[in-house]
PDB file of all heavy atoms in Angstrom:
ATOM      1  N   SER A   1      12.872  31.542  22.360  1.00  0.00           N
ATOM      2  CA  SER A   1      11.617  30.910  22.037  1.00  0.00           C
ATOM      3  C   SER A   1      11.842  29.966  20.885  1.00  0.00           C
ATOM      4  O   SER A   1      12.536  30.494  19.865  1.00  0.00           O
ATOM      5  CB  SER A   1      10.543  31.908  21.942  1.00  0.00           C
ATOM      6  OG  SER A   1      10.323  32.566  23.034  1.00  0.00           O
ATOM      7  N   ILE A   2      11.273  28.919  20.813  1.00  0.00           N
ATOM      8  CA  ILE A   2      11.275  27.990  19.609  1.00  0.00           C
ATOM      9  C   ILE A   2      10.064  28.313  18.730  1.00  0.00           C
ATOM     10  O   ILE A   2       9.031  28.721  19.151  1.00  0.00           O
ATOM     11  CB  ILE A   2      11.332  26.534  19.958  1.00  0.00           C
ATOM     12  CG1 ILE A   2       9.986  26.169  20.667  1.00  0.00           C
ATOM     13  CG2 ILE A   2      12.547  26.201  20.882  1.00  0.00           C
ATOM     14  CD1 ILE A   2       9.979  24.643  20.872  1.00  0.00           C
ATOM     15  N   PRO A   3      10.155  27.980  17.361  1.00  0.00           N
ATOM     16  CA  PRO A   3       9.061  28.120  16.478  1.00  0.00           C
ATOM     17  C   PRO A   3       7.882  27.420  16.994  1.00  0.00           C
ATOM     18  O   PRO A   3       8.016  26.351  17.363  1.00  0.00           O
ATOM     19  CB  PRO A   3       9.596  27.768  15.150  1.00  0.00           C
ATOM     20  CG  PRO A   3      11.160  27.854  15.251  1.00  0.00           C
ATOM     21  CD  PRO A   3      11.449  27.459  16.791  1.00  0.00           C
ATOM     22  N   GLY A   4       6.710  27.951  16.795  1.00  0.00           N
ATOM     23  CA  GLY A   4       5.466  27.291  17.077  1.00  0.00           C
ATOM     24  C   GLY A   4       5.302  26.062  16.368  1.00  0.00           C
ATOM     25  O   GLY A   4       4.658  25.108  16.750  1.00  0.00           O
ATOM     26  N   GLN A   5       5.750  25.947  15.057  1.00  0.00           N
ATOM     27  CA  GLN A   5       5.591  24.813  14.316  1.00  0.00           C
ATOM     28  C   GLN A   5       6.157  23.618  14.839  1.00  0.00           C
ATOM     29  O   GLN A   5       5.699  22.473  14.834  1.00  0.00           O
ATOM     30  CB  GLN A   5       6.150  25.113  12.932  1.00  0.00           C
ATOM     31  CG  GLN A   5       5.997  23.914  11.985  1.00  0.00           C
ATOM     32  CD  GLN A   5       6.606  24.196  10.531  1.00  0.00           C
ATOM     33  OE1 GLN A   5       7.228  25.223  10.412  1.00  0.00           O
ATOM     34  NE2 GLN A   5       6.512  23.334   9.650  1.00  0.00           N
ATOM     35  N   LEU A   6       7.326  23.712  15.538  1.00  0.00           N
ATOM     36  CA  LEU A   6       7.974  22.594  16.295  1.00  0.00           C
ATOM     37  C   LEU A   6       7.107  22.046  17.429  1.00  0.00           C
ATOM     38  O   LEU A   6       6.921  20.802  17.491  1.00  0.00           O
ATOM     39  CB  LEU A   6       9.295  23.048  16.840  1.00  0.00           C
ATOM     40  CG  LEU A   6      10.167  21.894  17.539  1.00  0.00           C
ATOM     41  CD1 LEU A   6      10.324  20.769  16.708  1.00  0.00           C
ATOM     42  CD2 LEU A   6      11.530  22.458  18.111  1.00  0.00           C
ATOM     43  N   GLN A   7       6.529  23.040  18.170  1.00  0.00           N
ATOM     44  CA  GLN A   7       5.716  22.602  19.279  1.00  0.00           C
ATOM     45  C   GLN A   7       4.450  21.808  18.733  1.00  0.00           C
ATOM     46  O   GLN A   7       4.092  20.897  19.338  1.00  0.00           O
ATOM     47  CB  GLN A   7       5.174  23.824  20.132  1.00  0.00           C
ATOM     48  CG  GLN A   7       4.444  23.343  21.278  1.00  0.00           C
ATOM     49  CD  GLN A   7       3.977  24.450  22.166  1.00  0.00           C
ATOM     50  OE1 GLN A   7       3.862  25.736  21.601  1.00  0.00           O
ATOM     51  NE2 GLN A   7       3.567  24.295  23.276  1.00  0.00           N
ATOM     52  N   ASN A   8       3.918  22.269  17.568  1.00  0.00           N
ATOM     53  CA  ASN A   8       2.749  21.582  17.130  1.00  0.00           C
ATOM     54  C   ASN A   8       2.959  20.348  16.274  1.00  0.00           C
ATOM     55  O   ASN A   8       2.107  19.655  15.805  1.00  0.00           O
ATOM     56  CB  ASN A   8       2.154  22.593  16.071  1.00  0.00           C
ATOM     57  CG  ASN A   8       1.609  23.845  16.879  1.00  0.00           C
ATOM     58  OD1 ASN A   8       1.194  23.705  18.012  1.00  0.00           O
ATOM     59  ND2 ASN A   8       1.543  25.007  16.224  1.00  0.00           N
ATOM     60  N   SER A   9       4.277  19.944  16.059  1.00  0.00           N
ATOM     61  CA  SER A   9       4.570  18.768  15.299  1.00  0.00           C
ATOM     62  C   SER A   9       5.352  17.759  16.103  1.00  0.00           C
ATOM     63  O   SER A   9       4.854  16.790  16.684  1.00  0.00           O
ATOM     64  CB  SER A   9       5.203  19.100  14.060  1.00  0.00           C
ATOM     65  OG  SER A   9       6.468  19.862  14.325  1.00  0.00           O
ATOM     66  N   GLU A  10       6.636  17.965  16.098  1.00  0.00           N
ATOM     67  CA  GLU A  10       7.539  17.005  16.803  1.00  0.00           C
ATOM     68  C   GLU A  10       7.238  16.877  18.210  1.00  0.00           C
ATOM     69  O   GLU A  10       7.182  15.639  18.746  1.00  0.00           O
ATOM     70  CB  GLU A  10       9.084  17.291  16.628  1.00  0.00           C
ATOM     71  CG  GLU A  10       9.446  17.412  15.226  1.00  0.00           C
ATOM     72  CD  GLU A  10      10.926  17.794  15.078  1.00  0.00           C
ATOM     73  OE1 GLU A  10      11.780  17.658  16.054  1.00  0.00           O
ATOM     74  OE2 GLU A  10      11.286  18.429  14.100  1.00  0.00           O
ATOM     75  N   TRP A  11       7.049  17.903  18.959  1.00  0.00           N
ATOM     76  CA  TRP A  11       6.851  17.864  20.397  1.00  0.00           C
ATOM     77  C   TRP A  11       5.482  17.083  20.788  1.00  0.00           C
ATOM     78  O   TRP A  11       5.392  16.293  21.761  1.00  0.00           O
ATOM     79  CB  TRP A  11       6.899  19.226  21.041  1.00  0.00           C
ATOM     80  CG  TRP A  11       6.801  19.139  22.594  1.00  0.00           C
ATOM     81  CD1 TRP A  11       5.769  19.384  23.409  1.00  0.00           C
ATOM     82  CD2 TRP A  11       7.919  18.806  23.432  1.00  0.00           C
ATOM     83  NE1 TRP A  11       6.087  19.224  24.742  1.00  0.00           N
ATOM     84  CE2 TRP A  11       7.422  18.839  24.734  1.00  0.00           C
ATOM     85  CE3 TRP A  11       9.325  18.505  23.290  1.00  0.00           C
ATOM     86  CZ2 TRP A  11       8.213  18.633  25.917  1.00  0.00           C
ATOM     87  CZ3 TRP A  11      10.123  18.234  24.445  1.00  0.00           C
ATOM     88  CH2 TRP A  11       9.529  18.264  25.652  1.00  0.00           C
ATOM     89  N   GLN A  12       4.453  17.477  20.044  1.00  0.00           N
ATOM     90  CA  GLN A  12       3.201  16.869  20.154  1.00  0.00           C
ATOM     91  C   GLN A  12       3.203  15.421  19.915  1.00  0.00           C
ATOM     92  O   GLN A  12       2.502  14.607  20.643  1.00  0.00           O
ATOM     93  CB  GLN A  12       2.129  17.535  19.505  1.00  0.00           C
ATOM     94  CG  GLN A  12       1.744  18.970  19.934  1.00  0.00           C
ATOM     95  CD  GLN A  12       0.550  19.529  19.226  1.00  0.00           C
ATOM     96  OE1 GLN A  12      -0.016  18.984  18.230  1.00  0.00           O
ATOM     97  NE2 GLN A  12       0.028  20.680  19.680  1.00  0.00           N
ATOM     98  N   GLN A  13       3.956  14.989  18.922  1.00  0.00           N
ATOM     99  CA  GLN A  13       4.118  13.569  18.618  1.00  0.00           C
ATOM    100  C   GLN A  13       4.754  12.806  19.683  1.00  0.00           C
ATOM    101  O   GLN A  13       4.324  11.661  20.134  1.00  0.00           O
ATOM    102  CB  GLN A  13       4.878  13.382  17.338  1.00  0.00           C
ATOM    103  CG  GLN A  13       5.119  11.921  16.905  1.00  0.00           C
ATOM    104  CD  GLN A  13       3.936  11.171  16.573  1.00  0.00           C
ATOM    105  OE1 GLN A  13       2.809  11.787  16.209  1.00  0.00           O
ATOM    106  NE2 GLN A  13       3.847   9.805  16.861  1.00  0.00           N
ATOM    107  N   ARG A  14       5.705  13.376  20.334  1.00  0.00           N
ATOM    108  CA  ARG A  14       6.478  12.826  21.398  1.00  0.00           C
ATOM    109  C   ARG A  14       5.498  12.693  22.551  1.00  0.00           C
ATOM    110  O   ARG A  14       5.503  11.588  23.342  1.00  0.00           O
ATOM    111  CB  ARG A  14       7.726  13.664  21.877  1.00  0.00           C
ATOM    112  CG  ARG A  14       8.839  13.715  20.954  1.00  0.00           C
ATOM    113  CD  ARG A  14       9.999  14.555  21.331  1.00  0.00           C
ATOM    114  NE  ARG A  14      10.900  14.931  20.413  1.00  0.00           N
ATOM    115  CZ  ARG A  14      11.946  15.691  20.554  1.00  0.00           C
ATOM    116  NH1 ARG A  14      11.952  16.380  21.595  1.00  0.00           N
ATOM    117  NH2 ARG A  14      12.830  15.833  19.564  1.00  0.00           N
ATOM    118  N   GLU A  15       4.671  13.714  22.889  1.00  0.00           N
ATOM    119  CA  GLU A  15       3.686  13.709  23.905  1.00  0.00           C
ATOM    120  C   GLU A  15       2.695  12.619  23.714  1.00  0.00           C
ATOM    121  O   GLU A  15       2.356  11.884  24.663  1.00  0.00           O
ATOM    122  CB  GLU A  15       3.021  15.001  24.114  1.00  0.00           C
ATOM    123  CG  GLU A  15       3.877  16.106  24.696  1.00  0.00           C
ATOM    124  CD  GLU A  15       3.001  17.364  24.981  1.00  0.00           C
ATOM    125  OE1 GLU A  15       2.164  17.644  24.242  1.00  0.00           O
ATOM    126  OE2 GLU A  15       3.352  18.052  25.966  1.00  0.00           O
ATOM    127  N   ARG A  16       2.188  12.354  22.517  1.00  0.00           N
ATOM    128  CA  ARG A  16       1.260  11.326  22.213  1.00  0.00           C
ATOM    129  C   ARG A  16       1.839  10.019  22.400  1.00  0.00           C
ATOM    130  O   ARG A  16       1.234   9.037  23.010  1.00  0.00           O
ATOM    131  CB  ARG A  16       0.727  11.403  20.824  1.00  0.00           C
ATOM    132  CG  ARG A  16      -0.236  12.503  20.588  1.00  0.00           C
ATOM    133  CD  ARG A  16      -0.900  12.426  19.278  1.00  0.00           C
ATOM    134  NE  ARG A  16       0.021  12.640  18.087  1.00  0.00           N
ATOM    135  CZ  ARG A  16       0.303  13.863  17.525  1.00  0.00           C
ATOM    136  NH1 ARG A  16      -0.288  14.803  17.882  1.00  0.00           N
ATOM    137  NH2 ARG A  16       1.097  13.839  16.472  1.00  0.00           N
ATOM    138  N   GLU A  17       3.090   9.735  21.968  1.00  0.00           N
ATOM    139  CA  GLU A  17       3.736   8.409  22.215  1.00  0.00           C
ATOM    140  C   GLU A  17       4.016   8.243  23.750  1.00  0.00           C
ATOM    141  O   GLU A  17       3.861   7.088  24.197  1.00  0.00           O
ATOM    142  CB  GLU A  17       5.115   8.506  21.455  1.00  0.00           C
ATOM    143  CG  GLU A  17       4.934   8.422  19.932  1.00  0.00           C
ATOM    144  CD  GLU A  17       6.272   8.579  19.158  1.00  0.00           C
ATOM    145  OE1 GLU A  17       7.248   8.833  19.935  1.00  0.00           O
ATOM    146  OE2 GLU A  17       6.262   8.520  18.050  1.00  0.00           O
ATOM    147  N   ALA A  18       4.393   9.290  24.519  1.00  0.00           N
ATOM    148  CA  ALA A  18       4.650   9.117  25.908  1.00  0.00           C
ATOM    149  C   ALA A  18       3.363   8.692  26.621  1.00  0.00           C
ATOM    150  O   ALA A  18       3.304   7.880  27.542  1.00  0.00           O
ATOM    151  CB  ALA A  18       5.120  10.463  26.494  1.00  0.00           C
ATOM    152  N   ALA A  19       2.230   9.388  26.378  1.00  0.00           N
ATOM    153  CA  ALA A  19       0.962   9.172  27.017  1.00  0.00           C
ATOM    154  C   ALA A  19       0.480   7.694  26.699  1.00  0.00           C
ATOM    155  O   ALA A  19      -0.121   7.077  27.476  1.00  0.00           O
ATOM    156  CB  ALA A  19      -0.092  10.224  26.498  1.00  0.00           C
ATOM    157  N   THR A  20       0.644   7.299  25.455  1.00  0.00           N
ATOM    158  CA  THR A  20       0.382   5.953  25.073  1.00  0.00           C
ATOM    159  C   THR A  20       1.063   4.917  25.950  1.00  0.00           C
ATOM    160  O   THR A  20       0.476   3.928  26.428  1.00  0.00           O
ATOM    161  CB  THR A  20       0.568   5.697  23.632  1.00  0.00           C
ATOM    162  OG1 THR A  20      -0.255   6.569  22.924  1.00  0.00           O
ATOM    163  CG2 THR A  20       0.214   4.309  23.280  1.00  0.00           C
ATOM    164  N   PHE A  21       2.386   5.104  26.103  1.00  0.00           N
ATOM    165  CA  PHE A  21       3.197   4.157  26.837  1.00  0.00           C
ATOM    166  C   PHE A  21       2.814   4.158  28.349  1.00  0.00           C
ATOM    167  O   PHE A  21       2.636   3.152  28.897  1.00  0.00           O
ATOM    168  CB  PHE A  21       4.660   4.670  26.812  1.00  0.00           C
ATOM    169  CG  PHE A  21       5.453   4.120  27.797  1.00  0.00           C
ATOM    170  CD1 PHE A  21       5.781   2.715  27.960  1.00  0.00           C
ATOM    171  CD2 PHE A  21       6.067   4.918  28.773  1.00  0.00           C
ATOM    172  CE1 PHE A  21       6.553   2.189  28.927  1.00  0.00           C
ATOM    173  CE2 PHE A  21       6.897   4.359  29.886  1.00  0.00           C
ATOM    174  CZ  PHE A  21       7.170   2.924  29.877  1.00  0.00           C
ATOM    175  N   LEU A  22       2.501   5.399  28.912  1.00  0.00           N
ATOM    176  CA  LEU A  22       2.122   5.454  30.358  1.00  0.00           C
ATOM    177  C   LEU A  22       0.627   4.704  30.513  1.00  0.00           C
ATOM    178  O   LEU A  22       0.469   4.080  31.474  1.00  0.00           O
ATOM    179  CB  LEU A  22       2.147   6.843  30.789  1.00  0.00           C
ATOM    180  CG  LEU A  22       3.453   7.628  30.987  1.00  0.00           C
ATOM    181  CD1 LEU A  22       3.237   8.978  31.522  1.00  0.00           C
ATOM    182  CD2 LEU A  22       4.342   6.814  31.944  1.00  0.00           C
ATOM    183  N   GLN A  23      -0.122   4.819  29.589  1.00  0.00           N
ATOM    184  CA  GLN A  23      -1.508   4.303  29.658  1.00  0.00           C
ATOM    185  C   GLN A  23      -1.318   2.808  29.567  1.00  0.00           C
ATOM    186  O   GLN A  23      -1.917   2.075  30.426  1.00  0.00           O
ATOM    187  CB  GLN A  23      -2.404   4.732  28.509  1.00  0.00           C
ATOM    188  CG  GLN A  23      -3.800   4.226  28.597  1.00  0.00           C
ATOM    189  CD  GLN A  23      -4.769   4.901  27.708  1.00  0.00           C
ATOM    190  OE1 GLN A  23      -4.267   5.686  26.756  1.00  0.00           O
ATOM    191  NE2 GLN A  23      -5.978   4.738  27.809  1.00  0.00           N
ATOM    192  N   GLU A  24      -0.464   2.238  28.676  1.00  0.00           N
ATOM    193  CA  GLU A  24      -0.322   0.822  28.624  1.00  0.00           C
ATOM    194  C   GLU A  24       0.216   0.340  29.873  1.00  0.00           C
ATOM    195  O   GLU A  24      -0.216  -0.765  30.355  1.00  0.00           O
ATOM    196  CB  GLU A  24       0.601   0.514  27.458  1.00  0.00           C
ATOM    197  CG  GLU A  24       0.912  -0.939  27.241  1.00  0.00           C
ATOM    198  CD  GLU A  24       1.667  -1.310  26.006  1.00  0.00           C
ATOM    199  OE1 GLU A  24       2.284  -0.323  25.364  1.00  0.00           O
ATOM    200  OE2 GLU A  24       1.854  -2.437  25.713  1.00  0.00           O
ATOM    201  N   LEU A  25       1.368   0.918  30.473  1.00  0.00           N
ATOM    202  CA  LEU A  25       1.897   0.501  31.627  1.00  0.00           C
ATOM    203  C   LEU A  25       0.946   0.506  32.822  1.00  0.00           C
ATOM    204  O   LEU A  25       0.929  -0.545  33.577  1.00  0.00           O
ATOM    205  CB  LEU A  25       3.033   1.454  32.088  1.00  0.00           C
ATOM    206  CG  LEU A  25       3.800   1.176  33.290  1.00  0.00           C
ATOM    207  CD1 LEU A  25       4.610  -0.108  33.248  1.00  0.00           C
ATOM    208  CD2 LEU A  25       4.790   2.421  33.601  1.00  0.00           C
ATOM    209  N   SER A  26      -0.012   1.449  32.974  1.00  0.00           N
ATOM    210  CA  SER A  26      -0.898   1.551  34.073  1.00  0.00           C
ATOM    211  C   SER A  26      -1.868   0.436  33.907  1.00  0.00           C
ATOM    212  O   SER A  26      -2.265  -0.199  34.899  1.00  0.00           O
ATOM    213  CB  SER A  26      -1.467   2.919  33.986  1.00  0.00           C
ATOM    214  OG  SER A  26      -0.605   3.923  34.375  1.00  0.00           O
ATOM    215  N   GLU A  27      -2.527   0.298  32.778  1.00  0.00           N
ATOM    216  CA  GLU A  27      -3.512  -0.744  32.536  1.00  0.00           C
ATOM    217  C   GLU A  27      -2.996  -2.198  32.644  1.00  0.00           C
ATOM    218  O   GLU A  27      -3.715  -2.958  33.253  1.00  0.00           O
ATOM    219  CB  GLU A  27      -4.039  -0.536  31.027  1.00  0.00           C
ATOM    220  CG  GLU A  27      -4.908   0.673  30.873  1.00  0.00           C
ATOM    221  CD  GLU A  27      -5.554   0.936  29.513  1.00  0.00           C
ATOM    222  OE1 GLU A  27      -5.110   0.171  28.679  1.00  0.00           O
ATOM    223  OE2 GLU A  27      -6.205   1.849  29.356  1.00  0.00           O
ATOM    224  N   LEU A  28      -1.866  -2.319  32.255  1.00  0.00           N
ATOM    225  CA  LEU A  28      -1.211  -3.728  32.416  1.00  0.00           C
ATOM    226  C   LEU A  28      -0.953  -3.987  33.914  1.00  0.00           C
ATOM    227  O   LEU A  28      -1.293  -5.173  34.285  1.00  0.00           O
ATOM    228  CB  LEU A  28       0.191  -3.687  31.777  1.00  0.00           C
ATOM    229  CG  LEU A  28       0.931  -5.048  31.708  1.00  0.00           C
ATOM    230  CD1 LEU A  28       0.062  -6.171  30.968  1.00  0.00           C
ATOM    231  CD2 LEU A  28       2.261  -4.995  31.231  1.00  0.00           C
ATOM    232  N   SER A  29      -0.724  -3.067  34.795  1.00  0.00           N
ATOM    233  CA  SER A  29      -0.584  -3.263  36.165  1.00  0.00           C
ATOM    234  C   SER A  29      -1.867  -3.243  36.933  1.00  0.00           C
ATOM    235  O   SER A  29      -1.817  -3.551  38.134  1.00  0.00           O
ATOM    236  CB  SER A  29       0.394  -2.285  36.727  1.00  0.00           C
ATOM    237  OG  SER A  29      -0.244  -1.016  36.843  1.00  0.00           O
ATOM    238  N   ALA A  30      -2.918  -2.947  36.258  1.00  0.00           N
ATOM    239  CA  ALA A  30      -4.301  -2.792  36.973  1.00  0.00           C
ATOM    240  C   ALA A  30      -4.436  -1.402  37.670  1.00  0.00           C
ATOM    241  O   ALA A  30      -5.328  -1.286  38.551  1.00  0.00           O
ATOM    242  CB  ALA A  30      -4.638  -3.967  37.841  1.00  0.00           C
ATOM    243  N   GLY A  31      -3.632  -0.504  37.395  1.00  0.00           N
ATOM    244  CA  GLY A  31      -3.616   0.765  37.967  1.00  0.00           C
ATOM    245  C   GLY A  31      -4.514   1.693  37.062  1.00  0.00           C
ATOM    246  O   GLY A  31      -5.382   1.229  36.430  1.00  0.00           O
ATOM    247  N   ARG A  32      -4.255   2.996  37.102  1.00  0.00           N
ATOM    248  CA  ARG A  32      -5.007   3.901  36.212  1.00  0.00           C
ATOM    249  C   ARG A  32      -4.072   4.876  35.549  1.00  0.00           C
ATOM    250  O   ARG A  32      -3.100   5.438  36.221  1.00  0.00           O
ATOM    251  CB  ARG A  32      -5.983   4.693  36.990  1.00  0.00           C
ATOM    252  CG  ARG A  32      -7.226   3.886  37.407  1.00  0.00           C
ATOM    253  CD  ARG A  32      -8.140   4.621  38.319  1.00  0.00           C
ATOM    254  NE  ARG A  32      -8.738   5.703  37.406  1.00  0.00           N
ATOM    255  CZ  ARG A  32      -9.436   6.778  37.890  1.00  0.00           C
ATOM    256  NH1 ARG A  32      -9.707   6.779  39.262  1.00  0.00           N
ATOM    257  NH2 ARG A  32      -9.933   7.627  37.156  1.00  0.00           N
ATOM    258  N   PHE A  33      -4.420   5.422  34.394  1.00  0.00           N
ATOM    259  CA  PHE A  33      -3.784   6.388  33.737  1.00  0.00           C
ATOM    260  C   PHE A  33      -4.409   7.709  33.888  1.00  0.00           C
ATOM    261  O   PHE A  33      -5.695   7.716  33.572  1.00  0.00           O
ATOM    262  CB  PHE A  33      -3.562   6.121  32.204  1.00  0.00           C
ATOM    263  CG  PHE A  33      -3.104   7.244  31.323  1.00  0.00           C
ATOM    264  CD1 PHE A  33      -1.812   7.643  31.375  1.00  0.00           C
ATOM    265  CD2 PHE A  33      -3.958   7.884  30.419  1.00  0.00           C
ATOM    266  CE1 PHE A  33      -1.339   8.781  30.573  1.00  0.00           C
ATOM    267  CE2 PHE A  33      -3.437   9.026  29.675  1.00  0.00           C
ATOM    268  CZ  PHE A  33      -2.213   9.385  29.733  1.00  0.00           C
ATOM    269  N   MET A  34      -3.837   8.697  34.409  1.00  0.00           N
ATOM    270  CA  MET A  34      -4.530  10.023  34.803  1.00  0.00           C
ATOM    271  C   MET A  34      -3.911  11.169  34.258  1.00  0.00           C
ATOM    272  O   MET A  34      -2.924  11.796  34.846  1.00  0.00           O
ATOM    273  CB  MET A  34      -4.617   9.994  36.294  1.00  0.00           C
ATOM    274  CG  MET A  34      -5.414   8.781  36.839  1.00  0.00           C
ATOM    275  SD  MET A  34      -5.502   8.853  38.741  1.00  0.00           S
ATOM    276  CE  MET A  34      -6.864  10.065  38.771  1.00  0.00           C
ATOM    277  N   PRO A  35      -4.321  11.626  33.002  1.00  0.00           N
ATOM    278  CA  PRO A  35      -3.729  12.908  32.551  1.00  0.00           C
ATOM    279  C   PRO A  35      -4.240  13.939  33.430  1.00  0.00           C
ATOM    280  O   PRO A  35      -5.331  14.075  33.838  1.00  0.00           O
ATOM    281  CB  PRO A  35      -4.290  12.985  31.043  1.00  0.00           C
ATOM    282  CG  PRO A  35      -5.509  12.087  31.060  1.00  0.00           C
ATOM    283  CD  PRO A  35      -5.252  10.904  32.138  1.00  0.00           C
ATOM    284  N   SER A  36      -3.312  15.073  33.499  1.00  0.00           N
ATOM    285  CA  SER A  36      -3.687  16.154  34.444  1.00  0.00           C
ATOM    286  C   SER A  36      -3.004  17.362  34.034  1.00  0.00           C
ATOM    287  O   SER A  36      -1.736  17.321  33.684  1.00  0.00           O
ATOM    288  CB  SER A  36      -3.300  15.771  35.892  1.00  0.00           C
ATOM    289  OG  SER A  36      -3.566  16.843  36.704  1.00  0.00           O
ATOM    290  N   GLU A  37      -3.528  18.520  34.135  1.00  0.00           N
ATOM    291  CA  GLU A  37      -2.850  19.681  33.952  1.00  0.00           C
ATOM    292  C   GLU A  37      -1.957  19.982  35.250  1.00  0.00           C
ATOM    293  O   GLU A  37      -2.470  19.518  36.362  1.00  0.00           O
ATOM    294  CB  GLU A  37      -3.875  20.946  33.747  1.00  0.00           C
ATOM    295  CG  GLU A  37      -4.750  20.796  32.537  1.00  0.00           C
ATOM    296  CD  GLU A  37      -3.930  20.986  31.277  1.00  0.00           C
ATOM    297  OE1 GLU A  37      -2.872  21.595  31.305  1.00  0.00           O
ATOM    298  OE2 GLU A  37      -4.362  20.329  30.167  1.00  0.00           O
TER     299      GLU A  37
END
């Protein structure tokens, strides 16, 4: 198991950047960005 601090910092930052990129890609193509569990 990795320390919880890593999950709450570096990994979450990567997730935010990834979500922003996918949203831009979808909106540019006139599709939709759909976050989902």
